[in-house]
Amino acid sequence: MKSVGLFEAKTRLSAICDAVARTGRAVRITRRGRPWVVIAPCLDDAPRQSVWARRREFERAHGPLDEDFELPVRKLDRRTWRNPLR
């Protein structure tokens, strides 16, 4: 198992996670030279579907999606809202 220091793991977390997901091999994170945590791949048995395949399944089960819809009106709560420019 590959070991990576905590500082390097913080700066390269995305790359480390990508490598773990791609290769399927776990990576040990060390803190001051001692093993701390392990980043391991998720073992998901279900095959992943594209978003378009999932949409087709949804439309088959529930009918076609209506693209025209109105967003709810957002009300500004003056008690909790703060202007970031002031």
Protein backbone atom coordinates (compact mmCIF):
# COMPACT_ATOMS: atom_id res chain seq x y z
CA MET A 1 0.00 0.00 0.00
CA LYS A 2 1.32 3.43 -0.93
CA SER A 3 1.85 5.92 1.90
CA VAL A 4 1.44 9.68 1.57
CA GLY A 5 2.14 12.36 4.17
CA LEU A 6 -0.72 14.46 5.46
CA PHE A 7 0.56 17.73 3.94
CA GLU A 8 0.93 16.14 0.50
CA ALA A 9 -2.49 14.53 0.84
CA LYS A 10 -4.05 17.92 1.62
CA THR A 11 -2.45 19.57 -1.38
CA ARG A 12 -3.10 16.70 -3.81
CA LEU A 13 -6.35 15.20 -2.48
CA SER A 14 -8.17 15.23 -5.83
CA ALA A 15 -5.30 13.51 -7.64
CA ILE A 16 -4.93 10.91 -4.88
CA CYS A 17 -8.66 10.14 -4.89
CA ASP A 18 -8.65 9.90 -8.68
CA ALA A 19 -5.73 7.44 -8.57
CA VAL A 20 -7.45 5.32 -5.91
CA ALA A 21 -10.68 5.21 -7.91
CA ARG A 22 -8.85 4.41 -11.15
CA THR A 23 -6.46 1.73 -9.85
CA GLY A 24 -8.58 0.30 -7.05
CA ARG A 25 -5.59 0.36 -4.66
CA ALA A 26 -5.89 2.05 -1.28
CA VAL A 27 -3.54 4.82 -0.10
CA ARG A 28 -2.39 5.21 3.52
CA ILE A 29 -2.21 8.76 4.90
CA THR A 30 0.47 9.26 7.54
CA ARG A 31 0.74 11.93 10.18
CA ARG A 32 4.25 12.56 11.46
CA GLY A 33 5.35 9.27 9.93
CA ARG A 34 2.68 7.17 11.62
CA PRO A 35 -0.31 5.65 9.80
CA TRP A 36 -3.39 7.79 10.36
CA VAL A 37 -6.16 6.97 7.84
CA VAL A 38 -6.65 4.98 4.66
CA ILE A 39 -8.34 6.18 1.49
CA ALA A 40 -9.89 3.12 -0.14
CA PRO A 41 -12.07 2.77 -3.24
CA CYS A 42 -15.80 2.21 -2.86
CA LEU A 43 -16.75 -1.26 -3.96
CA ASP A 44 -20.00 -0.63 -5.75
CA ASP A 45 -21.50 -3.69 -7.43
CA ALA A 46 -24.15 -1.76 -9.34
CA PRO A 47 -23.06 -0.60 -12.79
CA ARG A 48 -23.11 3.15 -13.22
CA GLN A 49 -25.55 4.67 -15.67
CA SER A 50 -25.25 7.90 -17.54
CA VAL A 51 -27.58 10.72 -16.59
CA TRP A 52 -29.36 10.31 -19.93
CA ALA A 53 -30.03 6.61 -19.32
CA ARG A 54 -31.43 7.45 -15.89
CA ARG A 55 -33.64 10.15 -17.45
CA ARG A 56 -34.99 7.66 -20.02
CA GLU A 57 -35.86 5.26 -17.20
CA PHE A 58 -37.57 8.04 -15.25
CA GLU A 59 -39.59 9.12 -18.29
CA ARG A 60 -40.60 5.52 -18.97
CA ALA A 61 -41.87 5.17 -15.41
CA HIS A 62 -43.40 8.64 -14.91
CA GLY A 63 -44.03 10.08 -18.36
CA PRO A 64 -42.16 12.80 -20.25
CA LEU A 65 -40.61 15.67 -18.36
CA ASP A 66 -42.08 19.11 -18.85
CA GLU A 67 -39.29 21.56 -19.66
CA ASP A 68 -41.43 24.62 -18.92
CA PHE A 69 -41.73 25.32 -15.25
CA GLU A 70 -41.67 28.35 -13.03
CA LEU A 71 -39.21 28.81 -10.23
CA PRO A 72 -40.67 29.67 -6.85
CA VAL A 73 -40.38 33.30 -5.83
CA ARG A 74 -37.56 33.84 -3.36
CA LYS A 75 -38.34 36.23 -0.58
CA LEU A 76 -35.57 38.32 0.90
CA ASP A 77 -35.46 37.99 4.66
CA ARG A 78 -34.10 41.35 5.81
CA ARG A 79 -33.41 40.05 9.33
CA THR A 80 -30.81 37.48 8.23
CA TRP A 81 -29.60 38.92 4.92
CA ARG A 82 -26.38 40.95 4.99
CA ASN A 83 -25.02 42.98 2.10
CA PRO A 84 -21.49 41.63 1.42
CA LEU A 85 -20.44 44.91 -0.23
CA ARG A 86 -20.87 47.04 2.89
